[in-house]
Amino acid sequence: MHLVKIRVMPNISYISLRKIQQAERNSSTLTRIDKNFYRDVSTFLSDLNNRLIEEKSPKKQILIREELQRIEKVINSIYEQREKKILIAAMTKSRGGDPNIKNILEEEKKLFEEVYNLLISTKRYIIGGKTELEKGEIEIEKEEAKVKEDIKIEENIEKGDEGLKEETLEEFVESKKTSKVNLEEKYSREANTNPVVRILEDVPSFVGLNKKTYHLKKGDIVSLPLDIYDALINRGVAKPISSKLIKKPDEN
């Protein structure tokens, strides 16, 4: 007969496990069990599995397998009952309560803390999430505006406009708008004696009789000397219009 050496676990047996199972069923809080309970049952199950593997007798294998299944069922029942109590305790604490967890084991504390933290963070996200997101979006917009302002100021400093360093972005934009209006008025005064046309397609650069080089692009609205006006109209690349907003043609 082949003998299998089995490690004896003084606190673990089918009978002792059944007692723990019954106690957990009859209590609304965690019962007191040995601090090494999970480690001991793990070792106990490992020994039974080794015994099953090493046993040569088919009949004994059946008996060991049945014993193993019964014990695993009881252990799972104990764990699930304690797990349920831990989840309820975490929920109670998340709602401001003070659950009794004095008999919780070290391995179970991690479950309790993670569930509690998850409940708290989820509640904050669902109930207060929209407000927090809105605050975050406002901060992002502020940062983006600041970055744009810094970039614009740097660009103008490189161009020699040192005075912009102390201007705000709004002041810079407003000053550019004013400059644009002034230029349009200037061009309008200078060109109001010449006919106005809309350029229908890009025109290759050319030099007019006034010795100026013109760079006309599709969509431009410009005031041109009469000789250039006639030439472009005849070629079908310009259309006469009447407009108060006159753009001075690109010229050298």
Foldseek 3Di string as FASTA:
>chain_A
DDDDDADDDPQDDLVNLVVLLVVLVVDLAHDADDLCVVVSVVSNLVRLVVCLVPDDDPVVNVVSVVRSVSSVVSVVSSVVSNLVSLLVCLVQVLVPHDDDHVRPHPVCVVVSVVSNVVVNVVVCCVPVVVVVVVVVVVVVVVVVLVVVQVVVQVVVVVVVPPVCVPPGPVVVVVVVVVVVVVVQVVQCVVQVVAFKKAFQAWDPWDADPVRKIFGDHHGAIAGDHPVVVVVCVVVVRIGTDDDSRHDHTDID
